[in-house]
N, C-alpha and C. Protein backbone atom coordinates (compact mmCIF):
# COMPACT_ATOMS: atom_id res chain seq x y z
N UNK A 1 0.82 -1.18 0.00
CA UNK A 1 0.00 0.00 0.00
C UNK A 1 0.87 1.26 0.00
N UNK A 2 1.98 1.21 0.74
CA UNK A 2 2.87 2.37 0.80
C UNK A 2 3.56 2.61 -0.53
N UNK A 3 3.88 1.57 -1.28
CA UNK A 3 4.55 1.76 -2.57
C UNK A 3 3.61 2.45 -3.56
N UNK A 4 2.33 2.14 -3.49
CA UNK A 4 1.37 2.79 -4.39
C UNK A 4 1.29 4.28 -4.04
N UNK A 5 1.26 4.59 -2.75
CA UNK A 5 1.21 5.98 -2.31
C UNK A 5 2.47 6.72 -2.73
N UNK A 6 3.62 6.10 -2.60
CA UNK A 6 4.88 6.73 -3.00
C UNK A 6 4.89 6.99 -4.50
N UNK A 7 4.40 6.02 -5.30
CA UNK A 7 4.36 6.18 -6.75
C UNK A 7 3.44 7.34 -7.14
N UNK A 8 2.32 7.46 -6.46
CA UNK A 8 1.39 8.56 -6.75
C UNK A 8 2.00 9.91 -6.40
N UNK A 9 2.71 9.97 -5.27
CA UNK A 9 3.34 11.22 -4.87
C UNK A 9 4.43 11.61 -5.86
N UNK A 10 5.24 10.65 -6.28
CA UNK A 10 6.29 10.91 -7.26
C UNK A 10 5.68 11.35 -8.59
N UNK A 11 4.63 10.67 -9.02
CA UNK A 11 3.97 11.03 -10.28
C UNK A 11 3.39 12.44 -10.20
N UNK A 12 2.77 12.78 -9.08
CA UNK A 12 2.22 14.12 -8.89
C UNK A 12 3.33 15.17 -8.89
N UNK A 13 4.46 14.87 -8.27
CA UNK A 13 5.59 15.80 -8.23
C UNK A 13 6.15 16.02 -9.64
N UNK A 14 6.25 14.96 -10.41
CA UNK A 14 6.77 15.08 -11.78
C UNK A 14 5.83 15.92 -12.64
N UNK A 15 4.54 15.67 -12.52
CA UNK A 15 3.57 16.45 -13.29
C UNK A 15 3.63 17.92 -12.89
N UNK A 16 3.72 18.18 -11.59
CA UNK A 16 3.81 19.56 -11.12
C UNK A 16 5.09 20.22 -11.60
N UNK A 17 6.20 19.49 -11.59
CA UNK A 17 7.47 20.03 -12.04
C UNK A 17 7.43 20.39 -13.52
N UNK A 18 6.92 19.46 -14.35
CA UNK A 18 6.84 19.73 -15.78
C UNK A 18 5.82 20.83 -16.07
N UNK A 19 4.74 20.86 -15.35
CA UNK A 19 3.71 21.88 -15.58
C UNK A 19 4.20 23.28 -15.28
N UNK A 20 4.91 23.46 -14.19
CA UNK A 20 5.41 24.79 -13.85
C UNK A 20 6.65 25.15 -14.64
N UNK A 21 7.41 24.17 -15.06
CA UNK A 21 8.62 24.44 -15.85
C UNK A 21 8.29 25.06 -17.19
N UNK A 22 7.22 24.62 -17.83
CA UNK A 22 6.86 25.18 -19.13
C UNK A 22 6.39 26.61 -19.01
N UNK A 23 5.79 26.95 -17.87
CA UNK A 23 5.35 28.34 -17.66
C UNK A 23 6.54 29.26 -17.53
N UNK A 24 7.56 28.84 -16.81
CA UNK A 24 8.74 29.67 -16.61
C UNK A 24 9.64 29.70 -17.85
N UNK A 25 9.57 28.69 -18.68
CA UNK A 25 10.43 28.62 -19.85
C UNK A 25 9.89 29.45 -21.01
N UNK A 26 8.60 29.71 -21.06
CA UNK A 26 8.02 30.46 -22.17
C UNK A 26 8.34 31.94 -22.02
N UNK A 27 8.63 32.61 -23.16
CA UNK A 27 8.95 34.04 -23.07
C UNK A 27 7.69 34.83 -22.75
N UNK A 28 7.84 35.94 -22.06
CA UNK A 28 6.67 36.74 -21.74
C UNK A 28 6.07 37.35 -23.00
N UNK A 29 4.76 37.33 -23.11
CA UNK A 29 4.10 37.93 -24.26
C UNK A 29 3.73 39.36 -23.93
N UNK A 30 4.02 40.28 -24.83
CA UNK A 30 3.69 41.67 -24.55
C UNK A 30 2.19 41.90 -24.63
N UNK A 31 1.70 42.71 -23.75
CA UNK A 31 0.27 43.01 -23.79
C UNK A 31 0.01 44.06 -24.87
N UNK A 32 -1.20 44.09 -25.45
CA UNK A 32 -1.48 45.05 -26.51
C UNK A 32 -1.33 46.50 -26.07
N UNK A 33 -1.55 46.78 -24.81
CA UNK A 33 -1.43 48.15 -24.33
C UNK A 33 0.00 48.61 -24.17
N UNK A 34 0.97 47.68 -24.19
CA UNK A 34 2.36 48.06 -23.97
C UNK A 34 3.10 48.37 -25.26
N UNK A 35 2.44 48.29 -26.39
CA UNK A 35 3.11 48.57 -27.66
C UNK A 35 3.35 50.07 -27.80
N UNK A 36 4.48 50.41 -28.37
CA UNK A 36 4.80 51.81 -28.59
C UNK A 36 4.06 52.31 -29.82
N UNK A 37 3.91 53.61 -29.94
CA UNK A 37 3.18 54.17 -31.08
C UNK A 37 3.91 53.91 -32.39
N UNK A 38 5.23 53.84 -32.35
CA UNK A 38 5.99 53.54 -33.57
C UNK A 38 5.70 52.13 -34.07
N UNK A 39 5.59 51.19 -33.13
CA UNK A 39 5.28 49.82 -33.51
C UNK A 39 3.88 49.73 -34.11
N UNK A 40 2.94 50.43 -33.50
CA UNK A 40 1.56 50.41 -33.99
C UNK A 40 1.49 51.02 -35.38
N UNK A 41 2.21 52.10 -35.59
CA UNK A 41 2.23 52.75 -36.90
C UNK A 41 2.85 51.82 -37.94
N UNK A 42 3.92 51.13 -37.56
CA UNK A 42 4.56 50.20 -38.49
C UNK A 42 3.61 49.06 -38.85
N UNK A 43 2.97 48.49 -37.85
CA UNK A 43 2.05 47.39 -38.12
C UNK A 43 0.85 47.85 -38.94
N UNK A 44 0.38 49.05 -38.68
CA UNK A 44 -0.74 49.59 -39.44
C UNK A 44 -0.35 49.79 -40.91
N UNK A 45 0.85 50.32 -41.12
CA UNK A 45 1.33 50.51 -42.49
C UNK A 45 1.52 49.19 -43.20
N UNK A 46 2.04 48.21 -42.49
CA UNK A 46 2.24 46.88 -43.08
C UNK A 46 0.91 46.25 -43.46
N UNK A 47 -0.09 46.41 -42.59
CA UNK A 47 -1.42 45.88 -42.88
C UNK A 47 -2.02 46.56 -44.11
N UNK A 48 -1.80 47.85 -44.25
CA UNK A 48 -2.30 48.57 -45.42
C UNK A 48 -1.65 48.07 -46.70
N UNK A 49 -0.33 47.83 -46.64
CA UNK A 49 0.36 47.30 -47.82
C UNK A 49 -0.15 45.92 -48.20
N UNK A 50 -0.34 45.07 -47.19
CA UNK A 50 -0.85 43.73 -47.47
C UNK A 50 -2.26 43.78 -48.06
N UNK A 51 -3.09 44.67 -47.55
CA UNK A 51 -4.44 44.80 -48.07
C UNK A 51 -4.42 45.28 -49.52
N UNK A 52 -3.53 46.21 -49.85
CA UNK A 52 -3.39 46.68 -51.23
C UNK A 52 -2.95 45.56 -52.15
N UNK A 53 -2.00 44.72 -51.69
CA UNK A 53 -1.56 43.58 -52.49
C UNK A 53 -2.70 42.60 -52.72
N UNK A 54 -3.47 42.35 -51.70
CA UNK A 54 -4.60 41.42 -51.82
C UNK A 54 -5.62 41.95 -52.81
N UNK A 55 -5.92 43.25 -52.75
CA UNK A 55 -6.87 43.85 -53.69
C UNK A 55 -6.37 43.75 -55.12
N UNK A 56 -5.06 43.95 -55.32
CA UNK A 56 -4.47 43.83 -56.66
C UNK A 56 -4.62 42.41 -57.18
N UNK A 57 -4.30 41.43 -56.34
CA UNK A 57 -4.43 40.02 -56.74
C UNK A 57 -5.88 39.66 -57.06
N UNK A 58 -6.81 40.18 -56.27
CA UNK A 58 -8.23 39.90 -56.51
C UNK A 58 -8.65 40.45 -57.86
N UNK A 59 -8.19 41.65 -58.20
CA UNK A 59 -8.53 42.25 -59.49
C UNK A 59 -7.99 41.40 -60.64
N UNK A 60 -6.75 40.93 -60.51
CA UNK A 60 -6.17 40.10 -61.56
C UNK A 60 -6.90 38.76 -61.68
N UNK A 61 -7.22 38.15 -60.56
CA UNK A 61 -7.94 36.88 -60.60
C UNK A 61 -9.34 37.05 -61.16
N UNK A 62 -9.96 38.19 -60.88
CA UNK A 62 -11.31 38.42 -61.40
C UNK A 62 -11.29 38.54 -62.92
N UNK A 63 -10.25 39.18 -63.46
CA UNK A 63 -10.14 39.27 -64.93
C UNK A 63 -10.06 37.88 -65.54
N UNK A 64 -9.23 37.02 -64.95
CA UNK A 64 -9.09 35.66 -65.47
C UNK A 64 -10.38 34.87 -65.30
N UNK A 65 -11.05 35.07 -64.18
CA UNK A 65 -12.30 34.35 -63.94
C UNK A 65 -13.36 34.79 -64.94
N UNK A 66 -13.41 36.09 -65.25
CA UNK A 66 -14.38 36.58 -66.23
C UNK A 66 -14.09 35.99 -67.61
N UNK A 67 -12.80 35.92 -67.96
CA UNK A 67 -12.43 35.34 -69.26
C UNK A 67 -12.81 33.87 -69.32
N UNK A 68 -12.51 33.13 -68.27
CA UNK A 68 -12.86 31.71 -68.24
C UNK A 68 -14.37 31.52 -68.24
N UNK A 69 -15.09 32.40 -67.56
CA UNK A 69 -16.54 32.31 -67.53
C UNK A 69 -17.14 32.56 -68.89
N UNK A 70 -16.56 33.48 -69.66
CA UNK A 70 -17.09 33.74 -71.00
C UNK A 70 -16.82 32.56 -71.93
N UNK A 71 -15.68 31.90 -71.77
CA UNK A 71 -15.40 30.72 -72.58
C UNK A 71 -16.34 29.57 -72.21
N UNK A 72 -16.59 29.42 -70.94
CA UNK A 72 -17.44 28.32 -70.48
C UNK A 72 -18.89 28.53 -70.91
N UNK A 73 -19.33 29.77 -70.98
CA UNK A 73 -20.72 30.04 -71.32
C UNK A 73 -20.98 30.15 -72.81
N UNK A 74 -19.93 30.19 -73.61
CA UNK A 74 -20.09 30.35 -75.05
C UNK A 74 -20.43 29.00 -75.69
N UNK A 75 -21.55 28.92 -76.44
CA UNK A 75 -21.94 27.63 -77.03
C UNK A 75 -21.06 27.20 -78.20
N UNK A 76 -20.36 28.14 -78.86
CA UNK A 76 -19.56 27.75 -80.01
C UNK A 76 -18.17 27.24 -79.63
N UNK A 77 -17.85 27.15 -78.34
CA UNK A 77 -16.55 26.62 -77.94
C UNK A 77 -16.66 25.18 -77.43
N UNK A 78 -17.84 24.59 -77.51
CA UNK A 78 -18.03 23.24 -77.03
C UNK A 78 -17.26 22.27 -77.93
N UNK A 79 -16.41 21.48 -77.34
CA UNK A 79 -15.65 20.49 -78.08
C UNK A 79 -14.36 21.03 -78.66
N UNK A 80 -14.11 22.32 -78.54
CA UNK A 80 -12.87 22.91 -79.06
C UNK A 80 -11.91 23.13 -77.90
N UNK A 81 -10.61 23.05 -78.14
CA UNK A 81 -9.65 23.32 -77.05
C UNK A 81 -9.69 24.80 -76.68
N UNK A 82 -9.40 25.07 -75.41
CA UNK A 82 -9.40 26.47 -74.94
C UNK A 82 -8.17 27.18 -75.48
N UNK A 83 -8.34 28.41 -75.95
CA UNK A 83 -7.18 29.18 -76.41
C UNK A 83 -6.34 29.64 -75.22
N UNK A 84 -5.06 29.83 -75.46
CA UNK A 84 -4.16 30.31 -74.41
C UNK A 84 -4.46 31.75 -74.10
N UNK A 85 -4.37 32.11 -72.83
CA UNK A 85 -4.67 33.49 -72.43
C UNK A 85 -3.38 34.25 -72.30
């Protein structure tokens, strides 16, 4: 009976050790309120650039989708190979 109790205590100690060790090993995460205005401005500018790139890609893909849609809807292209765009 004592060996079972000792094994449980050791197992609990190991779990507690590993559980608290991971908390102390992880780097502290900065809170959103602690960011400097320069960092916020940089991130805002980066987000704007990414949004502009996404809009450009969407416009290009829409042109290709419209072209493919016109080929697919045209009855005189049935059975013919698609022309290169």
